[in-house]
Structures are given as C-alpha cells and as structure tokens.
Amino acid sequence: MEVDARLEHLDGMLATIERQTDGINQFAHRLDGAYRELEAVNGRLREASFADEVTRLYNRRFFSIRLEEEIARARRFGHELSLVFLDLDGFKTVNDELGHLAGDETLRGVALVLLGNSRGIDVISRYGGDEFAALLVETSPSGAELYAERIRDILSLHSFSHGRQVTASFGTASLGEELRSADDLIGAADGALYAAKRAGKNCVAVHGEVGAERLTTPEVSVA
C-alpha cells in the first residue's frame, strides 16, 4: 500500500510537471509570436521613417546613412562610386499655377522615371524639395554622366497629366583622390548642379578634377 501511495504521489507530481511544462510552452509560443509581431512593427516603422511621404523614395536621412556606408565600402574594396544630383526646372511654376497636387504628381512622376531607369543596387532618394539624389554604386565618372544624360532625355520627353513639360538640371561627381568624404562628394555634385542651372538648365554638368565642370546639353558640348 505504501508503494502504491508513493507511485500515486509520483504520478501526481509528473502530471503537475507536465501541466506546468505545457503552460510554459504555450507562454513561450505566445511570447515568440509577440516578439515577431513587434519586430515586424519596428521594421515598418523604420521603413516609414526612411521613406519620403510624397514619392515613397528614400528620404535624405536614409541617403546620408547609405552614402557613408557606400563610401566606406568603396574605399575598402577599391570600387568606384558616383553621385548624381538633379533639380527640376520650372517646378515652382507648376506649383504656383497648377497647385500643389500637380506639383506632387510631378514629383511622383520623376520618382517613377528614376526608379524605372536605375539598378536595384543604386540608392535613389528625394533629397529635398524638387531635388533628387542618385547614389550610383560601382559606377565610374563616365558611367554617371551617361546615367544623367539618359534620365535627362527621358524626363524631357515625359508626359505628365497636367500637360506641362518638366525638365531637370544635373550635377555629377565621383569619389576619388580629390573627393574623399561624403561632404566632398555632396559639395562637388551640388556645385556641378548649380553650374548646369547657370548654363541654361536641362543639361548635365560633370565635376572636374580641378573644380571645373564640363557641361553637356542637347545641342552643344562645352569642354
């Protein structure tokens, strides 16, 4: 009888342990599900914080992070890296005369042109206002110029629903002995962009080795 009582007590303890184990497993399963859901929510929040509200391109914050990363990678592996800035010509007129909805539509149209004519490894962002940036990974200076000219050509022929022609001016710069940091690259591309604006817009300016720009337009090429 004493042995039976002990066995019965042991069975009871084992049953209790099994129930507790099941409870712990269920709790762990719920905790794991909650953790995965939290990760997904955090991922969506991170993605939203890096996305431009109008175009859904990457925003300037994300661009700045990726620029530093790609510069470090380019230096480490000896790869080429180029930056293209583009600024829309006459965008203020579209906003003033047709309204901000037409302006937003224009920005989204430009974003689609950029995404449709860039590689998946490139970083395309709305840098601010009507200015966009394209970080071209493993791309030479001549490759960046060809890219800018291609986008310029496509935009100059693109049909927006509001019926207005919208062109863009471009400035390109590439990582090298002269341009070594993110600030160097941004400053050079920005300077080239404003050279393109001064040259009459709807053209591409290439930052030169000694700070000069080479301008290319549909009609002429100036060395």
Protein backbone atom coordinates (compact mmCIF):
# COMPACT_ATOMS: atom_id res chain seq x y z
CA MET A 1 0.00 0.00 0.00
CA GLU A 2 2.82 2.38 0.86
CA VAL A 3 4.46 1.69 -2.51
CA ASP A 4 1.17 2.32 -4.29
CA ALA A 5 0.77 5.62 -2.43
CA ARG A 6 4.24 6.67 -3.42
CA LEU A 7 3.61 5.74 -7.04
CA GLU A 8 0.34 7.62 -6.96
CA HIS A 9 2.10 10.66 -5.47
CA LEU A 10 4.85 10.41 -8.12
CA ASP A 11 2.24 10.20 -10.90
CA GLY A 12 0.60 13.29 -9.48
CA MET A 13 3.89 15.14 -9.45
CA LEU A 14 4.63 14.12 -13.03
CA ALA A 15 1.17 15.24 -14.13
CA THR A 16 1.72 18.59 -12.43
CA ILE A 17 5.11 18.98 -14.10
CA GLU A 18 3.56 18.14 -17.48
CA ARG A 19 0.83 20.75 -16.99
CA GLN A 20 3.40 23.32 -15.95
CA THR A 21 5.58 22.41 -18.96
CA ASP A 22 2.60 22.78 -21.29
CA GLY A 23 1.84 26.16 -19.74
CA ILE A 24 5.43 27.29 -20.13
CA ASN A 25 5.49 26.10 -23.76
CA GLN A 26 2.25 27.94 -24.52
CA PHE A 27 3.57 31.09 -22.89
CA ALA A 28 6.85 30.80 -24.82
CA HIS A 29 4.87 30.34 -28.05
CA ARG A 30 2.77 33.44 -27.33
CA LEU A 31 5.90 35.38 -26.38
CA ASP A 32 7.64 34.31 -29.58
CA GLY A 33 4.60 35.41 -31.61
CA ALA A 34 4.50 38.75 -29.83
CA TYR A 35 8.24 39.22 -30.44
CA ARG A 36 7.86 38.50 -34.17
CA GLU A 37 4.94 40.91 -34.36
CA LEU A 38 6.98 43.58 -32.55
CA GLU A 39 9.87 43.04 -34.97
CA ALA A 40 7.50 43.46 -37.91
CA VAL A 41 6.05 46.65 -36.44
CA ASN A 42 9.52 48.04 -35.77
CA GLY A 43 10.53 47.14 -39.31
CA ARG A 44 7.54 49.01 -40.73
CA LEU A 45 8.32 52.00 -38.52
CA ARG A 46 11.96 52.02 -39.64
CA GLU A 47 10.88 51.78 -43.26
CA ALA A 48 8.39 54.60 -42.80
CA SER A 49 10.99 56.81 -41.13
CA PHE A 50 13.25 56.40 -44.18
CA ALA A 51 10.55 56.98 -46.82
CA ASP A 52 9.57 60.28 -48.38
CA GLU A 53 5.84 60.82 -47.90
CA VAL A 54 5.13 62.12 -51.41
CA THR A 55 7.31 59.97 -53.68
CA ARG A 56 7.91 56.93 -51.42
CA LEU A 57 11.56 57.14 -52.39
CA TYR A 58 14.19 57.04 -49.67
CA ASN A 59 14.48 60.34 -47.82
CA ARG A 60 17.54 62.45 -47.15
CA ARG A 61 18.15 60.81 -43.77
CA PHE A 62 18.44 57.35 -45.29
CA PHE A 63 20.51 58.69 -48.19
CA SER A 64 23.04 60.18 -45.75
CA ILE A 65 23.40 56.85 -43.94
CA ARG A 66 23.86 54.87 -47.16
CA LEU A 67 26.29 57.41 -48.57
CA GLU A 68 28.63 56.94 -45.61
CA GLU A 69 28.28 53.15 -45.86
CA GLU A 70 28.98 53.06 -49.59
CA ILE A 71 31.97 55.38 -49.29
CA ALA A 72 33.46 53.08 -46.64
CA ARG A 73 32.79 50.03 -48.83
CA ALA A 74 34.23 51.69 -51.93
CA ARG A 75 37.41 52.56 -50.07
CA ARG A 76 37.73 49.09 -48.60
CA PHE A 77 37.32 47.21 -51.88
CA GLY A 78 38.62 49.83 -54.30
CA HIS A 79 35.26 50.21 -56.04
CA GLU A 80 34.06 53.30 -57.89
CA LEU A 81 31.20 55.39 -56.55
CA SER A 82 29.36 58.30 -58.13
CA LEU A 83 26.67 60.75 -57.09
CA VAL A 84 24.13 62.49 -59.29
CA PHE A 85 22.03 65.41 -58.12
CA LEU A 86 19.09 66.59 -60.20
CA ASP A 87 16.87 69.59 -59.69
CA LEU A 88 13.65 70.18 -61.64
CA ASP A 89 13.48 73.19 -63.94
CA GLY A 90 10.40 75.38 -63.58
CA PHE A 91 8.88 73.32 -60.80
CA LYS A 92 7.82 76.45 -58.91
CA THR A 93 5.72 77.50 -61.90
CA VAL A 94 3.88 74.17 -61.84
CA ASN A 95 3.17 74.58 -58.12
CA ASP A 96 2.13 78.23 -58.41
CA GLU A 97 -0.05 77.92 -61.48
CA LEU A 98 -1.47 74.40 -61.18
CA GLY A 99 -1.40 73.83 -57.43
CA HIS A 100 0.44 71.57 -55.05
CA LEU A 101 -1.44 68.45 -56.13
CA ALA A 102 0.01 68.87 -59.61
CA GLY A 103 3.38 69.51 -58.00
CA ASP A 104 3.15 66.28 -56.01
CA GLU A 105 2.11 64.41 -59.13
CA THR A 106 5.19 65.78 -60.89
CA LEU A 107 7.47 64.62 -58.09
CA ARG A 108 5.94 61.14 -58.17
CA GLY A 109 6.36 61.00 -61.94
CA VAL A 110 10.03 61.90 -61.67
CA ALA A 111 10.46 59.27 -58.96
CA LEU A 112 8.99 56.61 -61.25
CA VAL A 113 11.31 57.63 -64.09
CA LEU A 114 14.32 57.37 -61.76
CA LEU A 115 13.30 54.00 -60.33
CA GLY A 116 12.49 52.61 -63.76
CA ASN A 117 15.89 53.54 -65.14
CA SER A 118 18.18 52.69 -62.21
CA ARG A 119 19.64 49.46 -60.88
CA GLY A 120 18.50 47.80 -57.71
CA ILE A 121 21.85 48.47 -56.07
CA ASP A 122 21.60 52.24 -56.64
CA VAL A 123 20.18 54.44 -53.90
CA ILE A 124 17.51 56.80 -55.25
CA SER A 125 16.18 59.44 -52.89
CA ARG A 126 14.26 62.67 -52.73
CA TYR A 127 16.93 64.93 -51.30
CA GLY A 128 14.58 67.81 -50.58
CA GLY A 129 12.00 69.98 -52.34
CA ASP A 130 12.29 69.24 -56.05
CA GLU A 131 15.85 67.93 -55.77
CA PHE A 132 16.67 64.24 -56.10
CA ALA A 133 19.86 62.27 -55.50
CA ALA A 134 21.05 59.08 -57.15
CA LEU A 135 23.94 57.26 -55.48
CA LEU A 136 25.41 55.05 -58.19
CA VAL A 137 27.28 52.10 -56.72
CA GLU A 138 30.32 50.77 -58.61
CA THR A 139 29.89 53.46 -61.25
CA SER A 140 32.65 55.44 -62.94
CA PRO A 141 32.51 59.19 -63.73
CA SER A 142 31.68 58.44 -67.37
CA GLY A 143 29.00 55.98 -66.26
CA ALA A 144 27.44 58.62 -64.03
CA GLU A 145 27.41 61.11 -66.90
CA LEU A 146 25.73 58.58 -69.20
CA TYR A 147 23.16 57.84 -66.49
CA ALA A 148 22.40 61.54 -66.00
CA GLU A 149 22.07 62.11 -69.75
CA ARG A 150 19.70 59.17 -70.07
CA ILE A 151 17.46 60.43 -67.26
CA ARG A 152 17.59 63.96 -68.71
CA ASP A 153 16.48 62.69 -72.12
CA ILE A 154 13.63 60.63 -70.69
CA LEU A 155 12.36 63.44 -68.46
CA SER A 156 12.44 65.99 -71.27
CA LEU A 157 10.05 63.76 -73.26
CA HIS A 158 7.94 62.52 -70.34
CA SER A 159 4.22 63.31 -70.47
CA PHE A 160 2.70 64.47 -67.22
CA SER A 161 -1.08 64.50 -66.90
CA HIS A 162 -1.09 68.25 -66.23
CA GLY A 163 0.33 68.78 -69.72
CA ARG A 164 3.38 70.83 -68.75
CA GLN A 165 6.87 69.91 -69.85
CA VAL A 166 9.22 69.41 -66.92
CA THR A 167 12.95 69.17 -67.45
CA ALA A 168 15.81 68.82 -64.98
CA SER A 169 19.37 70.00 -64.47
CA PHE A 170 22.02 67.52 -63.33
CA GLY A 171 25.33 67.60 -61.49
CA THR A 172 27.60 64.57 -61.16
CA ALA A 173 30.66 63.84 -59.03
CA SER A 174 32.69 60.73 -58.27
CA LEU A 175 34.74 59.50 -55.37
CA GLY A 176 38.49 59.85 -55.92
CA GLU A 177 41.71 61.47 -54.80
CA GLU A 178 40.10 64.91 -54.76
CA LEU A 179 36.74 63.86 -53.37
CA ARG A 180 37.20 61.52 -50.42
CA SER A 181 34.41 62.24 -47.93
CA ALA A 182 30.63 62.45 -48.05
CA ASP A 183 30.83 66.24 -47.71
CA ASP A 184 33.33 66.40 -50.57
CA LEU A 185 31.09 64.36 -52.85
CA ILE A 186 27.91 66.25 -51.97
CA GLY A 187 29.61 69.62 -52.35
CA ALA A 188 31.05 68.70 -55.74
CA ALA A 189 27.79 67.30 -57.13
CA ASP A 190 25.88 70.29 -55.78
CA GLY A 191 28.35 72.71 -57.34
CA ALA A 192 28.07 70.94 -60.67
CA LEU A 193 24.28 71.07 -60.43
CA TYR A 194 24.28 74.83 -59.99
CA ALA A 195 26.71 75.15 -62.89
CA ALA A 196 24.12 73.31 -65.00
CA LYS A 197 21.45 75.75 -63.81
CA ARG A 198 23.62 78.73 -64.72
CA ALA A 199 24.32 77.22 -68.14
CA GLY A 200 20.64 77.38 -69.08
CA LYS A 201 19.11 74.31 -67.38
CA ASN A 202 18.10 70.97 -68.91
CA CYS A 203 21.74 69.91 -69.08
CA VAL A 204 24.34 67.85 -67.27
CA ALA A 205 27.39 69.29 -65.51
CA VAL A 206 30.27 66.99 -64.57
CA HIS A 207 32.57 67.95 -61.71
CA GLY A 208 36.13 68.10 -62.99
CA GLU A 209 39.41 67.14 -61.37
CA VAL A 210 40.38 70.77 -60.70
CA GLY A 211 36.93 72.01 -59.71
CA ALA A 212 35.76 72.93 -63.21
CA GLU A 213 32.62 71.48 -64.72
CA ARG A 214 32.08 70.01 -68.15
CA LEU A 215 28.62 70.85 -69.46
CA THR A 216 26.65 68.73 -71.88
CA THR A 217 23.36 69.87 -73.38
CA PRO A 218 21.13 68.51 -76.15
CA GLU A 219 22.70 70.91 -78.63
CA VAL A 220 26.30 71.53 -77.57
CA SER A 221 29.17 70.12 -75.56
CA VAL A 222 31.50 72.54 -73.81
CA ALA A 223 34.89 71.30 -72.60
